[in-house]
């Protein structure tokens, strides 16, 4: 069965969510953070069969730009400089359909590896 295609795509800047409606009627709202930590790029996914590289400190990431890539994907540029990897319709659909499970796996891995969603802050002490 062919993957449904988007019939509506809208990025909400204030909530930092990408709203997608697909041809089968499914609708998803995916946060910028969720999209960033699940980037399909080789930088994040790794090369070959290796475990994806854990992305952390991305809670406040924003989308700078979204553009279409042919009739099959989106190219998303984030404000942390990450802009590689194409989010195909199939990939976006799967991110939406499996959101709760993928998000929980991400949170569990952060905890296991002692990382946080928040960006580390540097404290400066003057003597």
PDB file of N, CA and C in Angstrom:
ATOM      1  N   UNK A   1       0.833  -1.181   0.000  1.00  0.00           N
ATOM      2  CA  UNK A   1       0.000   0.000   0.000  1.00  0.00           C
ATOM      3  C   UNK A   1       0.882   1.251   0.000  1.00  0.00           C
ATOM      4  N   UNK A   2       0.565   2.190  -0.829  1.00  0.00           N
ATOM      5  CA  UNK A   2       1.349   3.423  -0.940  1.00  0.00           C
ATOM      6  C   UNK A   2       1.163   4.293   0.300  1.00  0.00           C
ATOM      7  N   UNK A   3       2.234   4.975   0.674  1.00  0.00           N
ATOM      8  CA  UNK A   3       2.170   5.898   1.807  1.00  0.00           C
ATOM      9  C   UNK A   3       1.282   7.079   1.443  1.00  0.00           C
ATOM     10  N   UNK A   4       0.381   7.482   2.348  1.00  0.00           N
ATOM     11  CA  UNK A   4      -0.417   8.679   2.093  1.00  0.00           C
ATOM     12  C   UNK A   4       0.486   9.895   1.887  1.00  0.00           C
ATOM     13  N   UNK A   5       0.001  10.855   1.147  1.00  0.00           N
ATOM     14  CA  UNK A   5       0.756  12.085   0.907  1.00  0.00           C
ATOM     15  C   UNK A   5       0.092  13.241   1.645  1.00  0.00           C
ATOM     16  N   UNK A   6       0.863  14.267   1.999  1.00  0.00           N
ATOM     17  CA  UNK A   6       0.284  15.406   2.707  1.00  0.00           C
ATOM     18  C   UNK A   6      -0.683  16.194   1.817  1.00  0.00           C
ATOM     19  N   UNK A   7      -1.793  16.581   2.410  1.00  0.00           N
ATOM     20  CA  UNK A   7      -2.735  17.456   1.727  1.00  0.00           C
ATOM     21  C   UNK A   7      -2.663  18.859   2.316  1.00  0.00           C
ATOM     22  N   UNK A   8      -2.075  18.979   3.504  1.00  0.00           N
ATOM     23  CA  UNK A   8      -1.924  20.274   4.163  1.00  0.00           C
ATOM     24  C   UNK A   8      -0.679  20.228   5.046  1.00  0.00           C
ATOM     25  N   UNK A   9       0.162  21.259   4.925  1.00  0.00           N
ATOM     26  CA  UNK A   9       1.374  21.383   5.743  1.00  0.00           C
ATOM     27  C   UNK A   9       1.428  22.815   6.241  1.00  0.00           C
ATOM     28  N   UNK A  10       1.563  22.987   7.568  1.00  0.00           N
ATOM     29  CA  UNK A  10       1.645  24.337   8.124  1.00  0.00           C
ATOM     30  C   UNK A  10       2.549  24.321   9.349  1.00  0.00           C
ATOM     31  N   UNK A  11       3.515  25.231   9.385  1.00  0.00           N
ATOM     32  CA  UNK A  11       4.373  25.362  10.564  1.00  0.00           C
ATOM     33  C   UNK A  11       3.852  26.498  11.431  1.00  0.00           C
ATOM     34  N   UNK A  12       3.571  26.188  12.681  1.00  0.00           N
ATOM     35  CA  UNK A  12       3.091  27.168  13.656  1.00  0.00           C
ATOM     36  C   UNK A  12       4.306  27.691  14.437  1.00  0.00           C
ATOM     37  N   UNK A  13       4.733  28.916  14.139  1.00  0.00           N
ATOM     38  CA  UNK A  13       5.943  29.462  14.752  1.00  0.00           C
ATOM     39  C   UNK A  13       5.838  29.576  16.269  1.00  0.00           C
ATOM     40  N   UNK A  14       4.691  30.035  16.760  1.00  0.00           N
ATOM     41  CA  UNK A  14       4.561  30.267  18.194  1.00  0.00           C
ATOM     42  C   UNK A  14       4.665  28.969  19.001  1.00  0.00           C
ATOM     43  N   UNK A  15       3.951  27.923  18.569  1.00  0.00           N
ATOM     44  CA  UNK A  15       4.004  26.648  19.295  1.00  0.00           C
ATOM     45  C   UNK A  15       5.170  25.771  18.824  1.00  0.00           C
ATOM     46  N   UNK A  16       5.837  26.203  17.740  1.00  0.00           N
ATOM     47  CA  UNK A  16       6.956  25.455  17.169  1.00  0.00           C
ATOM     48  C   UNK A  16       6.536  24.030  16.806  1.00  0.00           C
ATOM     49  N   UNK A  17       5.410  23.921  16.091  1.00  0.00           N
ATOM     50  CA  UNK A  17       4.900  22.620  15.671  1.00  0.00           C
ATOM     51  C   UNK A  17       4.592  22.621  14.175  1.00  0.00           C
ATOM     52  N   UNK A  18       4.922  21.504  13.554  1.00  0.00           N
ATOM     53  CA  UNK A  18       4.584  21.293  12.153  1.00  0.00           C
ATOM     54  C   UNK A  18       3.285  20.492  12.119  1.00  0.00           C
ATOM     55  N   UNK A  19       2.238  21.090  11.541  1.00  0.00           N
ATOM     56  CA  UNK A  19       0.954  20.412  11.410  1.00  0.00           C
ATOM     57  C   UNK A  19       0.874  19.792  10.024  1.00  0.00           C
ATOM     58  N   UNK A  20       0.532  18.524   9.983  1.00  0.00           N
ATOM     59  CA  UNK A  20       0.438  17.777   8.734  1.00  0.00           C
ATOM     60  C   UNK A  20      -0.889  17.051   8.662  1.00  0.00           C
ATOM     61  N   UNK A  21      -1.559  17.145   7.535  1.00  0.00           N
ATOM     62  CA  UNK A  21      -2.742  16.344   7.268  1.00  0.00           C
ATOM     63  C   UNK A  21      -2.430  15.530   6.022  1.00  0.00           C
ATOM     64  N   UNK A  22      -2.705  14.231   6.098  1.00  0.00           N
ATOM     65  CA  UNK A  22      -2.400  13.323   4.993  1.00  0.00           C
ATOM     66  C   UNK A  22      -3.660  12.905   4.246  1.00  0.00           C
ATOM     67  N   UNK A  23      -3.445  12.369   3.063  1.00  0.00           N
ATOM     68  CA  UNK A  23      -4.541  12.007   2.159  1.00  0.00           C
ATOM     69  C   UNK A  23      -5.480  10.941   2.718  1.00  0.00           C
ATOM     70  N   UNK A  24      -5.050  10.202   3.744  1.00  0.00           N
ATOM     71  CA  UNK A  24      -5.928   9.202   4.366  1.00  0.00           C
ATOM     72  C   UNK A  24      -6.716   9.791   5.531  1.00  0.00           C
ATOM     73  N   UNK A  25      -6.568  11.115   5.752  1.00  0.00           N
ATOM     74  CA  UNK A  25      -7.301  11.784   6.823  1.00  0.00           C
ATOM     75  C   UNK A  25      -6.542  11.905   8.130  1.00  0.00           C
ATOM     76  N   UNK A  26      -5.399  11.233   8.251  1.00  0.00           N
ATOM     77  CA  UNK A  26      -4.602  11.329   9.475  1.00  0.00           C
ATOM     78  C   UNK A  26      -4.008  12.728   9.587  1.00  0.00           C
ATOM     79  N   UNK A  27      -4.004  13.276  10.818  1.00  0.00           N
ATOM     80  CA  UNK A  27      -3.385  14.573  11.089  1.00  0.00           C
ATOM     81  C   UNK A  27      -2.429  14.430  12.250  1.00  0.00           C
ATOM     82  N   UNK A  28      -1.297  15.118  12.145  1.00  0.00           N
ATOM     83  CA  UNK A  28      -0.283  15.066  13.192  1.00  0.00           C
ATOM     84  C   UNK A  28       0.250  16.468  13.442  1.00  0.00           C
ATOM     85  N   UNK A  29       0.666  16.713  14.686  1.00  0.00           N
ATOM     86  CA  UNK A  29       1.385  17.938  15.035  1.00  0.00           C
ATOM     87  C   UNK A  29       2.707  17.490  15.643  1.00  0.00           C
ATOM     88  N   UNK A  30       3.803  17.819  14.967  1.00  0.00           N
ATOM     89  CA  UNK A  30       5.131  17.372  15.384  1.00  0.00           C
ATOM     90  C   UNK A  30       5.952  18.582  15.805  1.00  0.00           C
ATOM     91  N   UNK A  31       6.460  18.541  17.030  1.00  0.00           N
ATOM     92  CA  UNK A  31       7.240  19.675  17.540  1.00  0.00           C
ATOM     93  C   UNK A  31       8.577  19.778  16.820  1.00  0.00           C
ATOM     94  N   UNK A  32       9.132  20.979  16.809  1.00  0.00           N
ATOM     95  CA  UNK A  32      10.454  21.202  16.216  1.00  0.00           C
ATOM     96  C   UNK A  32      11.487  20.314  16.905  1.00  0.00           C
ATOM     97  N   UNK A  33      11.388  20.202  18.222  1.00  0.00           N
ATOM     98  CA  UNK A  33      12.323  19.356  18.966  1.00  0.00           C
ATOM     99  C   UNK A  33      12.220  17.901  18.502  1.00  0.00           C
ATOM    100  N   UNK A  34      11.014  17.393  18.383  1.00  0.00           N
ATOM    101  CA  UNK A  34      10.788  16.011  17.945  1.00  0.00           C
ATOM    102  C   UNK A  34      11.360  15.793  16.546  1.00  0.00           C
ATOM    103  N   UNK A  35      11.084  16.721  15.642  1.00  0.00           N
ATOM    104  CA  UNK A  35      11.622  16.614  14.285  1.00  0.00           C
ATOM    105  C   UNK A  35      13.148  16.657  14.294  1.00  0.00           C
ATOM    106  N   UNK A  36      13.720  17.522  15.124  1.00  0.00           N
ATOM    107  CA  UNK A  36      15.183  17.683  15.160  1.00  0.00           C
ATOM    108  C   UNK A  36      15.865  16.433  15.702  1.00  0.00           C
ATOM    109  N   UNK A  37      15.342  15.885  16.801  1.00  0.00           N
ATOM    110  CA  UNK A  37      16.020  14.722  17.396  1.00  0.00           C
ATOM    111  C   UNK A  37      15.791  13.449  16.589  1.00  0.00           C
ATOM    112  N   UNK A  38      14.794  13.465  15.699  1.00  0.00           N
ATOM    113  CA  UNK A  38      14.549  12.321  14.819  1.00  0.00           C
ATOM    114  C   UNK A  38      14.902  12.650  13.368  1.00  0.00           C
ATOM    115  N   UNK A  39      15.842  13.551  13.186  1.00  0.00           N
ATOM    116  CA  UNK A  39      16.255  13.923  11.836  1.00  0.00           C
ATOM    117  C   UNK A  39      16.703  12.691  11.051  1.00  0.00           C
ATOM    118  N   UNK A  40      16.298  12.596   9.789  1.00  0.00           N
ATOM    119  CA  UNK A  40      16.711  11.461   8.963  1.00  0.00           C
ATOM    120  C   UNK A  40      18.131  11.593   8.406  1.00  0.00           C
ATOM    121  N   UNK A  41      18.858  12.613   8.813  1.00  0.00           N
ATOM    122  CA  UNK A  41      20.205  12.842   8.274  1.00  0.00           C
ATOM    123  C   UNK A  41      21.182  11.763   8.733  1.00  0.00           C
ATOM    124  N   UNK A  42      22.222  11.558   7.959  1.00  0.00           N
ATOM    125  CA  UNK A  42      23.272  10.604   8.333  1.00  0.00           C
ATOM    126  C   UNK A  42      23.961  11.059   9.626  1.00  0.00           C
ATOM    127  N   UNK A  43      24.032  12.372   9.844  1.00  0.00           N
ATOM    128  CA  UNK A  43      24.644  12.925  11.062  1.00  0.00           C
ATOM    129  C   UNK A  43      23.929  12.414  12.317  1.00  0.00           C
ATOM    130  N   UNK A  44      22.630  12.234  12.232  1.00  0.00           N
ATOM    131  CA  UNK A  44      21.838  11.769  13.374  1.00  0.00           C
ATOM    132  C   UNK A  44      21.605  10.261  13.310  1.00  0.00           C
ATOM    133  N   UNK A  45      21.200   9.757  12.160  1.00  0.00           N
ATOM    134  CA  UNK A  45      20.836   8.345  12.010  1.00  0.00           C
ATOM    135  C   UNK A  45      22.056   7.439  12.005  1.00  0.00           C
ATOM    136  N   UNK A  46      23.215   8.012  11.731  1.00  0.00           N
ATOM    137  CA  UNK A  46      24.408   7.189  11.607  1.00  0.00           C
ATOM    138  C   UNK A  46      24.504   6.634  10.190  1.00  0.00           C
ATOM    139  N   UNK A  47      25.565   5.965   9.911  1.00  0.00           N
ATOM    140  CA  UNK A  47      25.774   5.362   8.594  1.00  0.00           C
ATOM    141  C   UNK A  47      25.596   3.855   8.735  1.00  0.00           C
ATOM    142  N   UNK A  48      24.772   3.284   7.895  1.00  0.00           N
ATOM    143  CA  UNK A  48      24.571   1.845   7.967  1.00  0.00           C
ATOM    144  C   UNK A  48      23.686   1.456   9.143  1.00  0.00           C
ATOM    145  N   UNK A  49      24.055   0.400   9.829  1.00  0.00           N
ATOM    146  CA  UNK A  49      23.206  -0.189  10.861  1.00  0.00           C
ATOM    147  C   UNK A  49      23.547   0.273  12.279  1.00  0.00           C
ATOM    148  N   UNK A  50      24.374   1.271  12.436  1.00  0.00           N
ATOM    149  CA  UNK A  50      24.726   1.694  13.781  1.00  0.00           C
ATOM    150  C   UNK A  50      23.550   2.386  14.476  1.00  0.00           C
ATOM    151  N   UNK A  51      23.656   2.474  15.791  1.00  0.00           N
ATOM    152  CA  UNK A  51      22.629   3.119  16.609  1.00  0.00           C
ATOM    153  C   UNK A  51      22.645   4.623  16.312  1.00  0.00           C
ATOM    154  N   UNK A  52      21.474   5.247  16.172  1.00  0.00           N
ATOM    155  CA  UNK A  52      21.444   6.693  15.930  1.00  0.00           C
ATOM    156  C   UNK A  52      22.182   7.459  17.021  1.00  0.00           C
ATOM    157  N   UNK A  53      22.757   8.584  16.644  1.00  0.00           N
ATOM    158  CA  UNK A  53      23.503   9.423  17.575  1.00  0.00           C
ATOM    159  C   UNK A  53      22.502  10.236  18.387  1.00  0.00           C
ATOM    160  N   UNK A  54      22.574  10.098  19.703  1.00  0.00           N
ATOM    161  CA  UNK A  54      21.631  10.779  20.587  1.00  0.00           C
ATOM    162  C   UNK A  54      21.769  12.291  20.466  1.00  0.00           C
ATOM    163  N   UNK A  55      20.643  12.939  20.211  1.00  0.00           N
ATOM    164  CA  UNK A  55      20.580  14.397  20.143  1.00  0.00           C
ATOM    165  C   UNK A  55      20.017  14.878  21.478  1.00  0.00           C
ATOM    166  N   UNK A  56      20.679  15.837  22.104  1.00  0.00           N
ATOM    167  CA  UNK A  56      20.191  16.339  23.388  1.00  0.00           C
ATOM    168  C   UNK A  56      20.349  17.850  23.434  1.00  0.00           C
ATOM    169  N   UNK A  57      19.683  18.462  24.399  1.00  0.00           N
ATOM    170  CA  UNK A  57      19.729  19.923  24.510  1.00  0.00           C
ATOM    171  C   UNK A  57      18.956  20.614  23.399  1.00  0.00           C
ATOM    172  N   UNK A  58      17.935  19.959  22.866  1.00  0.00           N
ATOM    173  CA  UNK A  58      17.198  20.497  21.711  1.00  0.00           C
ATOM    174  C   UNK A  58      15.791  20.978  22.071  1.00  0.00           C
ATOM    175  N   UNK A  59      15.480  21.082  23.366  1.00  0.00           N
ATOM    176  CA  UNK A  59      14.125  21.441  23.787  1.00  0.00           C
ATOM    177  C   UNK A  59      13.644  22.760  23.179  1.00  0.00           C
ATOM    178  N   UNK A  60      14.530  23.731  23.058  1.00  0.00           N
ATOM    179  CA  UNK A  60      14.131  25.060  22.586  1.00  0.00           C
ATOM    180  C   UNK A  60      14.462  25.321  21.122  1.00  0.00           C
ATOM    181  N   UNK A  61      14.811  24.266  20.371  1.00  0.00           N
ATOM    182  CA  UNK A  61      15.166  24.443  18.957  1.00  0.00           C
ATOM    183  C   UNK A  61      13.954  24.964  18.178  1.00  0.00           C
ATOM    184  N   UNK A  62      14.238  25.760  17.177  1.00  0.00           N
ATOM    185  CA  UNK A  62      13.194  26.316  16.312  1.00  0.00           C
ATOM    186  C   UNK A  62      13.504  25.968  14.855  1.00  0.00           C
ATOM    187  N   UNK A  63      12.464  26.005  14.056  1.00  0.00           N
ATOM    188  CA  UNK A  63      12.632  25.804  12.616  1.00  0.00           C
ATOM    189  C   UNK A  63      12.848  27.174  11.983  1.00  0.00           C
ATOM    190  N   UNK A  64      13.931  27.310  11.228  1.00  0.00           N
ATOM    191  CA  UNK A  64      14.204  28.553  10.501  1.00  0.00           C
ATOM    192  C   UNK A  64      13.558  28.570   9.134  1.00  0.00           C
ATOM    193  N   UNK A  65      13.527  27.400   8.484  1.00  0.00           N
ATOM    194  CA  UNK A  65      13.028  27.354   7.111  1.00  0.00           C
ATOM    195  C   UNK A  65      12.557  25.946   6.762  1.00  0.00           C
ATOM    196  N   UNK A  66      11.496  25.891   5.964  1.00  0.00           N
ATOM    197  CA  UNK A  66      10.997  24.620   5.435  1.00  0.00           C
ATOM    198  C   UNK A  66      10.789  24.818   3.940  1.00  0.00           C
ATOM    199  N   UNK A  67      11.318  23.892   3.162  1.00  0.00           N
ATOM    200  CA  UNK A  67      11.073  23.965   1.721  1.00  0.00           C
ATOM    201  C   UNK A  67      10.812  22.569   1.183  1.00  0.00           C
ATOM    202  N   UNK A  68      10.048  22.507   0.118  1.00  0.00           N
ATOM    203  CA  UNK A  68       9.760  21.244  -0.514  1.00  0.00           C
ATOM    204  C   UNK A  68      10.963  20.715  -1.261  1.00  0.00           C
ATOM    205  N   UNK A  69      11.082  19.411  -1.298  1.00  0.00           N
ATOM    206  CA  UNK A  69      12.128  18.751  -2.082  1.00  0.00           C
ATOM    207  C   UNK A  69      11.405  17.833  -3.062  1.00  0.00           C
ATOM    208  N   UNK A  70      11.232  18.322  -4.268  1.00  0.00           N
ATOM    209  CA  UNK A  70      10.449  17.567  -5.246  1.00  0.00           C
ATOM    210  C   UNK A  70       9.025  17.409  -4.745  1.00  0.00           C
ATOM    211  N   UNK A  71       8.396  16.317  -5.107  1.00  0.00           N
ATOM    212  CA  UNK A  71       7.038  16.016  -4.648  1.00  0.00           C
ATOM    213  C   UNK A  71       7.045  14.881  -3.640  1.00  0.00           C
ATOM    214  N   UNK A  72       8.149  14.767  -2.872  1.00  0.00           N
ATOM    215  CA  UNK A  72       8.253  13.610  -1.986  1.00  0.00           C
ATOM    216  C   UNK A  72       8.789  13.902  -0.596  1.00  0.00           C
ATOM    217  N   UNK A  73       9.235  15.147  -0.320  1.00  0.00           N
ATOM    218  CA  UNK A  73       9.891  15.385   0.967  1.00  0.00           C
ATOM    219  C   UNK A  73       9.931  16.869   1.323  1.00  0.00           C
ATOM    220  N   UNK A  74      10.325  17.113   2.581  1.00  0.00           N
ATOM    221  CA  UNK A  74      10.602  18.463   3.061  1.00  0.00           C
ATOM    222  C   UNK A  74      12.054  18.535   3.497  1.00  0.00           C
ATOM    223  N   UNK A  75      12.665  19.682   3.271  1.00  0.00           N
ATOM    224  CA  UNK A  75      13.995  19.975   3.795  1.00  0.00           C
ATOM    225  C   UNK A  75      13.774  21.016   4.885  1.00  0.00           C
ATOM    226  N   UNK A  76      14.177  20.688   6.102  1.00  0.00           N
ATOM    227  CA  UNK A  76      13.931  21.551   7.255  1.00  0.00           C
ATOM    228  C   UNK A  76      15.258  22.058   7.795  1.00  0.00           C
ATOM    229  N   UNK A  77      15.349  23.380   7.959  1.00  0.00           N
ATOM    230  CA  UNK A  77      16.543  24.006   8.548  1.00  0.00           C
ATOM    231  C   UNK A  77      16.185  24.479   9.955  1.00  0.00           C
ATOM    232  N   UNK A  78      16.995  24.096  10.927  1.00  0.00           N
ATOM    233  CA  UNK A  78      16.767  24.432  12.325  1.00  0.00           C
ATOM    234  C   UNK A  78      17.709  25.549  12.767  1.00  0.00           C
ATOM    235  N   UNK A  79      17.337  26.235  13.840  1.00  0.00           N
ATOM    236  CA  UNK A  79      18.139  27.372  14.292  1.00  0.00           C
ATOM    237  C   UNK A  79      19.440  26.976  14.990  1.00  0.00           C
ATOM    238  N   UNK A  80      19.679  25.676  15.180  1.00  0.00           N
ATOM    239  CA  UNK A  80      20.965  25.239  15.738  1.00  0.00           C
ATOM    240  C   UNK A  80      21.957  24.923  14.617  1.00  0.00           C
ATOM    241  N   UNK A  81      21.577  25.257  13.367  1.00  0.00           N
ATOM    242  CA  UNK A  81      22.466  25.058  12.233  1.00  0.00           C
ATOM    243  C   UNK A  81      22.247  23.748  11.491  1.00  0.00           C
ATOM    244  N   UNK A  82      21.454  22.841  12.050  1.00  0.00           N
ATOM    245  CA  UNK A  82      21.214  21.550  11.396  1.00  0.00           C
ATOM    246  C   UNK A  82      20.245  21.743  10.228  1.00  0.00           C
ATOM    247  N   UNK A  83      20.645  21.281   9.047  1.00  0.00           N
ATOM    248  CA  UNK A  83      19.773  21.436   7.880  1.00  0.00           C
ATOM    249  C   UNK A  83      19.973  20.324   6.848  1.00  0.00           C
ATOM    250  N   UNK A  84      20.440  19.170   7.302  1.00  0.00           N
ATOM    251  CA  UNK A  84      20.639  18.057   6.378  1.00  0.00           C
ATOM    252  C   UNK A  84      19.594  16.980   6.634  1.00  0.00           C
ATOM    253  N   UNK A  85      19.378  16.160   5.642  1.00  0.00           N
ATOM    254  CA  UNK A  85      18.392  15.090   5.754  1.00  0.00           C
ATOM    255  C   UNK A  85      17.066  15.530   5.164  1.00  0.00           C
ATOM    256  N   UNK A  86      16.467  14.664   4.372  1.00  0.00           N
ATOM    257  CA  UNK A  86      15.165  14.957   3.781  1.00  0.00           C
ATOM    258  C   UNK A  86      14.083  14.176   4.516  1.00  0.00           C
ATOM    259  N   UNK A  87      13.073  14.886   4.946  1.00  0.00           N
ATOM    260  CA  UNK A  87      11.929  14.290   5.631  1.00  0.00           C
ATOM    261  C   UNK A  87      10.922  13.875   4.555  1.00  0.00           C
ATOM    262  N   UNK A  88      11.003  12.616   4.105  1.00  0.00           N
ATOM    263  CA  UNK A  88      10.090  12.139   3.072  1.00  0.00           C
ATOM    264  C   UNK A  88       8.682  12.040   3.648  1.00  0.00           C
ATOM    265  N   UNK A  89       7.700  11.993   2.758  1.00  0.00           N
ATOM    266  CA  UNK A  89       6.308  11.858   3.221  1.00  0.00           C
ATOM    267  C   UNK A  89       6.175  10.603   4.080  1.00  0.00           C
ATOM    268  N   UNK A  90       6.800   9.501   3.651  1.00  0.00           N
ATOM    269  CA  UNK A  90       6.726   8.248   4.410  1.00  0.00           C
ATOM    270  C   UNK A  90       7.346   8.425   5.800  1.00  0.00           C
ATOM    271  N   UNK A  91       8.504   9.091   5.858  1.00  0.00           N
ATOM    272  CA  UNK A  91       9.187   9.303   7.140  1.00  0.00           C
ATOM    273  C   UNK A  91       8.330  10.169   8.064  1.00  0.00           C
ATOM    274  N   UNK A  92       7.782  11.280   7.547  1.00  0.00           N
ATOM    275  CA  UNK A  92       6.929  12.161   8.353  1.00  0.00           C
ATOM    276  C   UNK A  92       5.681  11.427   8.833  1.00  0.00           C
ATOM    277  N   UNK A  93       5.086  10.625   7.956  1.00  0.00           N
ATOM    278  CA  UNK A  93       3.889   9.862   8.321  1.00  0.00           C
ATOM    279  C   UNK A  93       4.206   8.900   9.467  1.00  0.00           C
ATOM    280  N   UNK A  94       5.338   8.213   9.346  1.00  0.00           N
ATOM    281  CA  UNK A  94       5.749   7.273  10.403  1.00  0.00           C
ATOM    282  C   UNK A  94       6.081   8.004  11.704  1.00  0.00           C
ATOM    283  N   UNK A  95       6.704   9.182  11.614  1.00  0.00           N
ATOM    284  CA  UNK A  95       6.969   9.966  12.826  1.00  0.00           C
ATOM    285  C   UNK A  95       5.664  10.333  13.524  1.00  0.00           C
ATOM    286  N   UNK A  96       4.664  10.677  12.736  1.00  0.00           N
ATOM    287  CA  UNK A  96       3.369  11.028  13.315  1.00  0.00           C
ATOM    288  C   UNK A  96       2.643   9.825  13.878  1.00  0.00           C
ATOM    289  N   UNK A  97       2.575   8.764  13.101  1.00  0.00           N
ATOM    290  CA  UNK A  97       1.842   7.557  13.497  1.00  0.00           C
ATOM    291  C   UNK A  97       2.450   6.905  14.730  1.00  0.00           C
ATOM    292  N   UNK A  98       3.773   6.980  14.878  1.00  0.00           N
ATOM    293  CA  UNK A  98       4.471   6.316  15.989  1.00  0.00           C
ATOM    294  C   UNK A  98       5.003   7.307  17.016  1.00  0.00           C
ATOM    295  N   UNK A  99       4.423   8.502  17.049  1.00  0.00           N
ATOM    296  CA  UNK A  99       4.923   9.587  17.891  1.00  0.00           C
ATOM    297  C   UNK A  99       5.124   9.171  19.347  1.00  0.00           C
ATOM    298  N   UNK A 100       4.089   8.644  19.983  1.00  0.00           N
ATOM    299  CA  UNK A 100       4.178   8.377  21.421  1.00  0.00           C
ATOM    300  C   UNK A 100       5.273   7.376  21.750  1.00  0.00           C
ATOM    301  N   UNK A 101       5.367   6.316  20.970  1.00  0.00           N
ATOM    302  CA  UNK A 101       6.394   5.299  21.201  1.00  0.00           C
ATOM    303  C   UNK A 101       7.798   5.858  20.944  1.00  0.00           C
ATOM    304  N   UNK A 102       7.976   6.572  19.835  1.00  0.00           N
ATOM    305  CA  UNK A 102       9.292   7.141  19.517  1.00  0.00           C
ATOM    306  C   UNK A 102       9.720   8.184  20.542  1.00  0.00           C
ATOM    307  N   UNK A 103       8.777   9.008  20.989  1.00  0.00           N
ATOM    308  CA  UNK A 103       9.095  10.042  21.979  1.00  0.00           C
ATOM    309  C   UNK A 103       9.509   9.406  23.297  1.00  0.00           C
ATOM    310  N   UNK A 104       8.788   8.374  23.739  1.00  0.00           N
ATOM    311  CA  UNK A 104       9.130   7.709  24.988  1.00  0.00           C
ATOM    312  C   UNK A 104      10.490   7.029  24.896  1.00  0.00           C
ATOM    313  N   UNK A 105      10.773   6.406  23.763  1.00  0.00           N
ATOM    314  CA  UNK A 105      12.089   5.785  23.576  1.00  0.00           C
ATOM    315  C   UNK A 105      13.191   6.834  23.668  1.00  0.00           C
ATOM    316  N   UNK A 106      12.940   8.011  23.085  1.00  0.00           N
ATOM    317  CA  UNK A 106      13.906   9.108  23.146  1.00  0.00           C
ATOM    318  C   UNK A 106      14.119   9.562  24.589  1.00  0.00           C
ATOM    319  N   UNK A 107      13.029   9.786  25.319  1.00  0.00           N
ATOM    320  CA  UNK A 107      13.138  10.220  26.723  1.00  0.00           C
ATOM    321  C   UNK A 107      13.861   9.174  27.565  1.00  0.00           C
ATOM    322  N   UNK A 108      13.565   7.897  27.336  1.00  0.00           N
ATOM    323  CA  UNK A 108      14.232   6.817  28.069  1.00  0.00           C
ATOM    324  C   UNK A 108      15.730   6.791  27.775  1.00  0.00           C
ATOM    325  N   UNK A 109      16.097   7.009  26.519  1.00  0.00           N
ATOM    326  CA  UNK A 109      17.516   6.992  26.147  1.00  0.00           C
ATOM    327  C   UNK A 109      18.246   8.188  26.747  1.00  0.00           C
ATOM    328  N   UNK A 110      17.589   9.365  26.750  1.00  0.00           N
ATOM    329  CA  UNK A 110      18.192  10.534  27.398  1.00  0.00           C
ATOM    330  C   UNK A 110      18.520  10.225  28.846  1.00  0.00           C
ATOM    331  N   UNK A 111      17.545   9.658  29.558  1.00  0.00           N
ATOM    332  CA  UNK A 111      17.741   9.352  30.975  1.00  0.00           C
ATOM    333  C   UNK A 111      18.860   8.329  31.164  1.00  0.00           C
ATOM    334  N   UNK A 112      18.843   7.287  30.347  1.00  0.00           N
ATOM    335  CA  UNK A 112      19.847   6.228  30.443  1.00  0.00           C
ATOM    336  C   UNK A 112      21.254   6.774  30.217  1.00  0.00           C
ATOM    337  N   UNK A 113      21.380   7.739  29.296  1.00  0.00           N
ATOM    338  CA  UNK A 113      22.703   8.278  28.974  1.00  0.00           C
ATOM    339  C   UNK A 113      23.039   9.540  29.763  1.00  0.00           C
ATOM    340  N   UNK A 114      22.167   9.907  30.720  1.00  0.00           N
ATOM    341  CA  UNK A 114      22.448  11.045  31.594  1.00  0.00           C
ATOM    342  C   UNK A 114      22.410  12.392  30.894  1.00  0.00           C
ATOM    343  N   UNK A 115      21.583  12.510  29.873  1.00  0.00           N
ATOM    344  CA  UNK A 115      21.479  13.769  29.130  1.00  0.00           C
ATOM    345  C   UNK A 115      20.133  14.423  29.402  1.00  0.00           C
ATOM    346  N   UNK A 116      20.000  15.673  28.952  1.00  0.00           N
ATOM    347  CA  UNK A 116      18.774  16.436  29.182  1.00  0.00           C
ATOM    348  C   UNK A 116      18.250  17.030  27.882  1.00  0.00           C
ATOM    349  N   UNK A 117      16.956  17.315  27.872  1.00  0.00           N
ATOM    350  CA  UNK A 117      16.330  17.982  26.724  1.00  0.00           C
ATOM    351  C   UNK A 117      16.768  19.440  26.668  1.00  0.00           C
ATOM    352  N   UNK A 118      17.006  20.030  27.830  1.00  0.00           N
ATOM    353  CA  UNK A 118      17.367  21.440  27.912  1.00  0.00           C
ATOM    354  C   UNK A 118      18.823  21.647  27.504  1.00  0.00           C
ATOM    355  N   UNK A 119      19.097  22.834  26.971  1.00  0.00           N
ATOM    356  CA  UNK A 119      20.465  23.212  26.627  1.00  0.00           C
ATOM    357  C   UNK A 119      21.217  23.478  27.920  1.00  0.00           C
ATOM    358  N   UNK A 120      22.430  22.994  27.997  1.00  0.00           N
ATOM    359  CA  UNK A 120      23.247  23.233  29.200  1.00  0.00           C
ATOM    360  C   UNK A 120      23.512  24.722  29.330  1.00  0.00           C
ATOM    361  N   UNK A 121      23.422  25.199  30.552  1.00  0.00           N
ATOM    362  CA  UNK A 121      23.714  26.607  30.798  1.00  0.00           C
ATOM    363  C   UNK A 121      25.085  26.720  31.454  1.00  0.00           C
ATOM    364  N   UNK A 122      25.764  27.768  31.102  1.00  0.00           N
ATOM    365  CA  UNK A 122      27.092  28.012  31.663  1.00  0.00           C
ATOM    366  C   UNK A 122      26.954  29.056  32.764  1.00  0.00           C
ATOM    367  N   UNK A 123      27.468  28.713  33.924  1.00  0.00           N
ATOM    368  CA  UNK A 123      27.412  29.644  35.033  1.00  0.00           C
ATOM    369  C   UNK A 123      28.771  30.313  35.160  1.00  0.00           C
ATOM    370  N   UNK A 124      28.766  31.635  35.176  1.00  0.00           N
ATOM    371  CA  UNK A 124      29.998  32.396  35.306  1.00  0.00           C
ATOM    372  C   UNK A 124      30.042  33.001  36.711  1.00  0.00           C
ATOM    373  N   UNK A 125      31.103  32.707  37.401  1.00  0.00           N
ATOM    374  CA  UNK A 125      31.291  33.258  38.749  1.00  0.00           C
ATOM    375  C   UNK A 125      32.433  34.244  38.727  1.00  0.00           C
ATOM    376  N   UNK A 126      32.176  35.427  39.210  1.00  0.00           N
ATOM    377  CA  UNK A 126      33.247  36.422  39.278  1.00  0.00           C
ATOM    378  C   UNK A 126      33.838  36.433  40.653  1.00  0.00           C
ATOM    379  N   UNK A 127      35.143  36.536  40.703  1.00  0.00           N
ATOM    380  CA  UNK A 127      35.839  36.544  41.998  1.00  0.00           C
ATOM    381  C   UNK A 127      36.103  37.944  42.465  1.00  0.00           C
TER     382      UNK A 127
END
